[in-house]
Amino acid sequence: MKQRARKAVGTLATVVFLAVYSLVAMAVGGIFVVGRGLAFELPYYVVAGVLWLPVVMALIRWMARPDSIS
C-alpha cells in the first residue's frame, strides 16, 4: 500500500477509534466512577486520558512508513 493510501486509511481509523474510545470511556466513567469520590475519579481519568496513545502512536508509525521499493 502506498504511503498516501496508508495516510488516508490511518486518518479515518484514528478518527473512528477516538470517537468510539471516547464514548466507551465516558460510559464506563459514568457508570463505574462518577460519584465515588476523587480517589476513584482522578486515577480513572488519568488512565483513560492516556490509554488511547499507544494505539494512535502505532497507527501514526504505520502511516509514516516509507513506500517499499520494488
PDB file of N, CA and C in Angstrom:
ATOM      1  N   MET A   1       0.854  -1.173   0.000  1.00  0.00           N
ATOM      2  CA  MET A   1       0.000   0.000   0.000  1.00  0.00           C
ATOM      3  C   MET A   1       0.898   1.233   0.000  1.00  0.00           C
ATOM      4  N   LYS A   2       0.568   2.159  -0.840  1.00  0.00           N
ATOM      5  CA  LYS A   2       1.345   3.391  -0.918  1.00  0.00           C
ATOM      6  C   LYS A   2       1.107   4.243   0.324  1.00  0.00           C
ATOM      7  N   GLN A   3       2.091   5.090   0.618  1.00  0.00           N
ATOM      8  CA  GLN A   3       2.011   5.919   1.819  1.00  0.00           C
ATOM      9  C   GLN A   3       0.793   6.837   1.788  1.00  0.00           C
ATOM     10  N   ARG A   4       0.453   7.350   0.641  1.00  0.00           N
ATOM     11  CA  ARG A   4      -0.711   8.237   0.539  1.00  0.00           C
ATOM     12  C   ARG A   4      -1.989   7.505   0.953  1.00  0.00           C
ATOM     13  N   ALA A   5      -2.146   6.268   0.510  1.00  0.00           N
ATOM     14  CA  ALA A   5      -3.323   5.473   0.877  1.00  0.00           C
ATOM     15  C   ALA A   5      -3.284   5.110   2.360  1.00  0.00           C
ATOM     16  N   ARG A   6      -2.087   4.772   2.871  1.00  0.00           N
ATOM     17  CA  ARG A   6      -1.954   4.463   4.304  1.00  0.00           C
ATOM     18  C   ARG A   6      -2.358   5.656   5.154  1.00  0.00           C
ATOM     19  N   LYS A   7      -1.975   6.847   4.727  1.00  0.00           N
ATOM     20  CA  LYS A   7      -2.330   8.049   5.491  1.00  0.00           C
ATOM     21  C   LYS A   7      -3.837   8.280   5.484  1.00  0.00           C
ATOM     22  N   ALA A   8      -4.477   8.043   4.360  1.00  0.00           N
ATOM     23  CA  ALA A   8      -5.934   8.216   4.295  1.00  0.00           C
ATOM     24  C   ALA A   8      -6.638   7.196   5.185  1.00  0.00           C
ATOM     25  N   VAL A   9      -6.235   5.937   5.074  1.00  0.00           N
ATOM     26  CA  VAL A   9      -6.838   4.881   5.889  1.00  0.00           C
ATOM     27  C   VAL A   9      -6.534   5.118   7.366  1.00  0.00           C
ATOM     28  N   GLY A  10      -5.301   5.472   7.677  1.00  0.00           N
ATOM     29  CA  GLY A  10      -4.906   5.705   9.061  1.00  0.00           C
ATOM     30  C   GLY A  10      -5.621   6.890   9.688  1.00  0.00           C
ATOM     31  N   THR A  11      -5.825   7.939   8.916  1.00  0.00           N
ATOM     32  CA  THR A  11      -6.548   9.103   9.432  1.00  0.00           C
ATOM     33  C   THR A  11      -7.988   8.743   9.745  1.00  0.00           C
ATOM     34  N   LEU A  12      -8.635   8.035   8.837  1.00  0.00           N
ATOM     35  CA  LEU A  12     -10.011   7.598   9.076  1.00  0.00           C
ATOM     36  C   LEU A  12     -10.079   6.660  10.280  1.00  0.00           C
ATOM     37  N   ALA A  13      -9.140   5.722  10.368  1.00  0.00           N
ATOM     38  CA  ALA A  13      -9.118   4.785  11.500  1.00  0.00           C
ATOM     39  C   ALA A  13      -8.891   5.523  12.820  1.00  0.00           C
ATOM     40  N   THR A  14      -8.037   6.532  12.807  1.00  0.00           N
ATOM     41  CA  THR A  14      -7.779   7.307  14.019  1.00  0.00           C
ATOM     42  C   THR A  14      -9.027   8.047  14.477  1.00  0.00           C
ATOM     43  N   VAL A  15      -9.717   8.679  13.555  1.00  0.00           N
ATOM     44  CA  VAL A  15     -10.930   9.424  13.904  1.00  0.00           C
ATOM     45  C   VAL A  15     -11.997   8.481  14.444  1.00  0.00           C
ATOM     46  N   VAL A  16     -12.198   7.343  13.771  1.00  0.00           N
ATOM     47  CA  VAL A  16     -13.205   6.375  14.224  1.00  0.00           C
ATOM     48  C   VAL A  16     -12.817   5.810  15.588  1.00  0.00           C
ATOM     49  N   PHE A  17     -11.553   5.429  15.744  1.00  0.00           N
ATOM     50  CA  PHE A  17     -11.104   4.871  17.021  1.00  0.00           C
ATOM     51  C   PHE A  17     -11.299   5.864  18.159  1.00  0.00           C
ATOM     52  N   LEU A  18     -10.891   7.116  17.951  1.00  0.00           N
ATOM     53  CA  LEU A  18     -11.013   8.110  19.020  1.00  0.00           C
ATOM     54  C   LEU A  18     -12.470   8.404  19.360  1.00  0.00           C
ATOM     55  N   ALA A  19     -13.342   8.413  18.361  1.00  0.00           N
ATOM     56  CA  ALA A  19     -14.763   8.638  18.636  1.00  0.00           C
ATOM     57  C   ALA A  19     -15.335   7.497  19.470  1.00  0.00           C
ATOM     58  N   VAL A  20     -15.048   6.265  19.064  1.00  0.00           N
ATOM     59  CA  VAL A  20     -15.559   5.102  19.800  1.00  0.00           C
ATOM     60  C   VAL A  20     -14.926   5.031  21.181  1.00  0.00           C
ATOM     61  N   TYR A  21     -13.617   5.221  21.258  1.00  0.00           N
ATOM     62  CA  TYR A  21     -12.919   5.149  22.540  1.00  0.00           C
ATOM     63  C   TYR A  21     -13.452   6.187  23.523  1.00  0.00           C
ATOM     64  N   SER A  22     -13.651   7.408  23.048  1.00  0.00           N
ATOM     65  CA  SER A  22     -14.123   8.448  23.963  1.00  0.00           C
ATOM     66  C   SER A  22     -15.529   8.152  24.466  1.00  0.00           C
ATOM     67  N   LEU A  23     -16.388   7.617  23.612  1.00  0.00           N
ATOM     68  CA  LEU A  23     -17.740   7.259  24.056  1.00  0.00           C
ATOM     69  C   LEU A  23     -17.711   6.117  25.067  1.00  0.00           C
ATOM     70  N   VAL A  24     -16.879   5.112  24.811  1.00  0.00           N
ATOM     71  CA  VAL A  24     -16.764   3.988  25.746  1.00  0.00           C
ATOM     72  C   VAL A  24     -16.172   4.459  27.071  1.00  0.00           C
ATOM     73  N   ALA A  25     -15.118   5.270  27.024  1.00  0.00           N
ATOM     74  CA  ALA A  25     -14.504   5.777  28.256  1.00  0.00           C
ATOM     75  C   ALA A  25     -15.485   6.632  29.044  1.00  0.00           C
ATOM     76  N   MET A  26     -16.280   7.420  28.339  1.00  0.00           N
ATOM     77  CA  MET A  26     -17.273   8.252  29.011  1.00  0.00           C
ATOM     78  C   MET A  26     -18.353   7.384  29.659  1.00  0.00           C
ATOM     79  N   ALA A  27     -18.805   6.349  28.957  1.00  0.00           N
ATOM     80  CA  ALA A  27     -19.834   5.466  29.514  1.00  0.00           C
ATOM     81  C   ALA A  27     -19.313   4.702  30.721  1.00  0.00           C
ATOM     82  N   VAL A  28     -18.106   4.159  30.613  1.00  0.00           N
ATOM     83  CA  VAL A  28     -17.516   3.424  31.739  1.00  0.00           C
ATOM     84  C   VAL A  28     -17.318   4.360  32.925  1.00  0.00           C
ATOM     85  N   GLY A  29     -16.815   5.538  32.672  1.00  0.00           N
ATOM     86  CA  GLY A  29     -16.636   6.507  33.750  1.00  0.00           C
ATOM     87  C   GLY A  29     -17.949   6.913  34.385  1.00  0.00           C
ATOM     88  N   GLY A  30     -18.963   7.106  33.570  1.00  0.00           N
ATOM     89  CA  GLY A  30     -20.263   7.492  34.095  1.00  0.00           C
ATOM     90  C   GLY A  30     -20.919   6.404  34.926  1.00  0.00           C
ATOM     91  N   ILE A  31     -20.716   5.149  34.531  1.00  0.00           N
ATOM     92  CA  ILE A  31     -21.347   4.031  35.242  1.00  0.00           C
ATOM     93  C   ILE A  31     -20.578   3.657  36.508  1.00  0.00           C
ATOM     94  N   PHE A  32     -19.260   3.546  36.402  1.00  0.00           N
ATOM     95  CA  PHE A  32     -18.475   2.974  37.494  1.00  0.00           C
ATOM     96  C   PHE A  32     -17.709   3.979  38.350  1.00  0.00           C
ATOM     97  N   VAL A  33     -17.472   5.185  37.854  1.00  0.00           N
ATOM     98  CA  VAL A  33     -16.535   6.073  38.538  1.00  0.00           C
ATOM     99  C   VAL A  33     -17.196   7.308  39.145  1.00  0.00           C
ATOM    100  N   VAL A  34     -18.059   7.956  38.400  1.00  0.00           N
ATOM    101  CA  VAL A  34     -18.643   9.225  38.854  1.00  0.00           C
ATOM    102  C   VAL A  34     -19.421   9.020  40.145  1.00  0.00           C
ATOM    103  N   GLY A  35     -19.167   9.889  41.095  1.00  0.00           N
ATOM    104  CA  GLY A  35     -19.856   9.831  42.376  1.00  0.00           C
ATOM    105  C   GLY A  35     -19.147   9.010  43.430  1.00  0.00           C
ATOM    106  N   ARG A  36     -18.015   8.427  43.095  1.00  0.00           N
ATOM    107  CA  ARG A  36     -17.272   7.614  44.064  1.00  0.00           C
ATOM    108  C   ARG A  36     -16.162   8.394  44.736  1.00  0.00           C
ATOM    109  N   GLY A  37     -16.014   9.632  44.394  1.00  0.00           N
ATOM    110  CA  GLY A  37     -15.003  10.455  45.038  1.00  0.00           C
ATOM    111  C   GLY A  37     -13.765  10.634  44.186  1.00  0.00           C
ATOM    112  N   LEU A  38     -12.980  11.596  44.596  1.00  0.00           N
ATOM    113  CA  LEU A  38     -11.778  11.968  43.858  1.00  0.00           C
ATOM    114  C   LEU A  38     -10.760  10.834  43.792  1.00  0.00           C
ATOM    115  N   ALA A  39     -10.729   9.979  44.808  1.00  0.00           N
ATOM    116  CA  ALA A  39      -9.765   8.873  44.836  1.00  0.00           C
ATOM    117  C   ALA A  39     -10.006   7.881  43.696  1.00  0.00           C
ATOM    118  N   PHE A  40     -11.227   7.779  43.203  1.00  0.00           N
ATOM    119  CA  PHE A  40     -11.524   6.910  42.067  1.00  0.00           C
ATOM    120  C   PHE A  40     -11.523   7.686  40.753  1.00  0.00           C
ATOM    121  N   GLU A  41     -12.050   8.898  40.794  1.00  0.00           N
ATOM    122  CA  GLU A  41     -12.212   9.665  39.564  1.00  0.00           C
ATOM    123  C   GLU A  41     -10.879  10.100  38.961  1.00  0.00           C
ATOM    124  N   LEU A  42      -9.998  10.646  39.766  1.00  0.00           N
ATOM    125  CA  LEU A  42      -8.738  11.164  39.241  1.00  0.00           C
ATOM    126  C   LEU A  42      -7.897  10.081  38.556  1.00  0.00           C
ATOM    127  N   PRO A  43      -7.638   8.937  39.213  1.00  0.00           N
ATOM    128  CA  PRO A  43      -6.856   7.905  38.513  1.00  0.00           C
ATOM    129  C   PRO A  43      -7.546   7.387  37.250  1.00  0.00           C
ATOM    130  N   TYR A  44      -8.861   7.255  37.294  1.00  0.00           N
ATOM    131  CA  TYR A  44      -9.568   6.768  36.104  1.00  0.00           C
ATOM    132  C   TYR A  44      -9.375   7.727  34.938  1.00  0.00           C
ATOM    133  N   TYR A  45      -9.584   9.005  35.178  1.00  0.00           N
ATOM    134  CA  TYR A  45      -9.476   9.963  34.083  1.00  0.00           C
ATOM    135  C   TYR A  45      -8.037  10.123  33.594  1.00  0.00           C
ATOM    136  N   VAL A  46      -7.069   9.960  34.472  1.00  0.00           N
ATOM    137  CA  VAL A  46      -5.666   9.992  34.031  1.00  0.00           C
ATOM    138  C   VAL A  46      -5.375   8.794  33.132  1.00  0.00           C
ATOM    139  N   VAL A  47      -5.770   7.602  33.580  1.00  0.00           N
ATOM    140  CA  VAL A  47      -5.526   6.388  32.786  1.00  0.00           C
ATOM    141  C   VAL A  47      -6.318   6.435  31.484  1.00  0.00           C
ATOM    142  N   ALA A  48      -7.596   6.782  31.558  1.00  0.00           N
ATOM    143  CA  ALA A  48      -8.428   6.840  30.356  1.00  0.00           C
ATOM    144  C   ALA A  48      -7.929   7.909  29.390  1.00  0.00           C
ATOM    145  N   GLY A  49      -7.354   8.965  29.919  1.00  0.00           N
ATOM    146  CA  GLY A  49      -6.845  10.031  29.071  1.00  0.00           C
ATOM    147  C   GLY A  49      -5.551   9.696  28.365  1.00  0.00           C
ATOM    148  N   VAL A  50      -4.846   8.680  28.835  1.00  0.00           N
ATOM    149  CA  VAL A  50      -3.555   8.304  28.252  1.00  0.00           C
ATOM    150  C   VAL A  50      -3.625   6.968  27.510  1.00  0.00           C
ATOM    151  N   LEU A  51      -4.617   6.163  27.786  1.00  0.00           N
ATOM    152  CA  LEU A  51      -4.695   4.796  27.259  1.00  0.00           C
ATOM    153  C   LEU A  51      -4.814   4.740  25.738  1.00  0.00           C
ATOM    154  N   TRP A  52      -5.344   5.757  25.118  1.00  0.00           N
ATOM    155  CA  TRP A  52      -5.512   5.759  23.674  1.00  0.00           C
ATOM    156  C   TRP A  52      -4.201   6.024  22.936  1.00  0.00           C
ATOM    157  N   LEU A  53      -3.218   6.573  23.612  1.00  0.00           N
ATOM    158  CA  LEU A  53      -1.975   6.975  22.951  1.00  0.00           C
ATOM    159  C   LEU A  53      -1.220   5.842  22.248  1.00  0.00           C
ATOM    160  N   PRO A  54      -1.010   4.666  22.865  1.00  0.00           N
ATOM    161  CA  PRO A  54      -0.265   3.620  22.153  1.00  0.00           C
ATOM    162  C   PRO A  54      -0.926   3.187  20.845  1.00  0.00           C
ATOM    163  N   VAL A  55      -2.239   3.142  20.823  1.00  0.00           N
ATOM    164  CA  VAL A  55      -2.942   2.737  19.605  1.00  0.00           C
ATOM    165  C   VAL A  55      -2.735   3.772  18.503  1.00  0.00           C
ATOM    166  N   VAL A  56      -2.911   5.030  18.832  1.00  0.00           N
ATOM    167  CA  VAL A  56      -2.762   6.083  17.831  1.00  0.00           C
ATOM    168  C   VAL A  56      -1.298   6.231  17.422  1.00  0.00           C
ATOM    169  N   MET A  57      -0.376   6.045  18.360  1.00  0.00           N
ATOM    170  CA  MET A  57       1.046   6.108  18.009  1.00  0.00           C
ATOM    171  C   MET A  57       1.416   5.002  17.027  1.00  0.00           C
ATOM    172  N   ALA A  58       0.874   3.802  17.223  1.00  0.00           N
ATOM    173  CA  ALA A  58       1.134   2.702  16.293  1.00  0.00           C
ATOM    174  C   ALA A  58       0.552   3.016  14.913  1.00  0.00           C
ATOM    175  N   LEU A  59      -0.635   3.591  14.881  1.00  0.00           N
ATOM    176  CA  LEU A  59      -1.233   3.977  13.599  1.00  0.00           C
ATOM    177  C   LEU A  59      -0.384   5.033  12.892  1.00  0.00           C
ATOM    178  N   ILE A  60       0.085   6.016  13.630  1.00  0.00           N
ATOM    179  CA  ILE A  60       0.906   7.069  13.026  1.00  0.00           C
ATOM    180  C   ILE A  60       2.224   6.489  12.519  1.00  0.00           C
ATOM    181  N   ARG A  61       2.818   5.587  13.283  1.00  0.00           N
ATOM    182  CA  ARG A  61       4.057   4.948  12.848  1.00  0.00           C
ATOM    183  C   ARG A  61       3.824   4.178  11.546  1.00  0.00           C
ATOM    184  N   TRP A  62       2.696   3.462  11.464  1.00  0.00           N
ATOM    185  CA  TRP A  62       2.355   2.706  10.265  1.00  0.00           C
ATOM    186  C   TRP A  62       2.123   3.647   9.080  1.00  0.00           C
ATOM    187  N   MET A  63       1.431   4.760   9.321  1.00  0.00           N
ATOM    188  CA  MET A  63       1.148   5.711   8.247  1.00  0.00           C
ATOM    189  C   MET A  63       2.423   6.367   7.723  1.00  0.00           C
ATOM    190  N   ALA A  64       3.402   6.563   8.574  1.00  0.00           N
ATOM    191  CA  ALA A  64       4.618   7.288   8.197  1.00  0.00           C
ATOM    192  C   ALA A  64       5.669   6.410   7.526  1.00  0.00           C
ATOM    193  N   ARG A  65       5.432   5.106   7.497  1.00  0.00           N
ATOM    194  CA  ARG A  65       6.404   4.223   6.844  1.00  0.00           C
ATOM    195  C   ARG A  65       6.601   4.630   5.390  1.00  0.00           C
ATOM    196  N   PRO A  66       7.832   4.637   4.931  1.00  0.00           N
ATOM    197  CA  PRO A  66       8.050   4.984   3.517  1.00  0.00           C
ATOM    198  C   PRO A  66       7.565   3.854   2.607  1.00  0.00           C
ATOM    199  N   ASP A  67       7.280   4.205   1.382  1.00  0.00           N
ATOM    200  CA  ASP A  67       6.871   3.198   0.404  1.00  0.00           C
ATOM    201  C   ASP A  67       8.005   2.209   0.189  1.00  0.00           C
ATOM    202  N   SER A  68       7.641   0.952   0.008  1.00  0.00           N
ATOM    203  CA  SER A  68       8.669  -0.058  -0.256  1.00  0.00           C
ATOM    204  C   SER A  68       9.130   0.074  -1.706  1.00  0.00           C
ATOM    205  N   ILE A  69      10.402  -0.148  -1.892  1.00  0.00           N
ATOM    206  CA  ILE A  69      10.975  -0.076  -3.235  1.00  0.00           C
ATOM    207  C   ILE A  69      10.904  -1.468  -3.842  1.00  0.00           C
ATOM    208  N   SER A  70      10.146  -1.577  -4.930  1.00  0.00           N
ATOM    209  CA  SER A  70      10.051  -2.894  -5.576  1.00  0.00           C
ATOM    210  C   SER A  70      10.132  -2.794  -7.066  1.00  0.00           C
TER     211      SER A  70
END
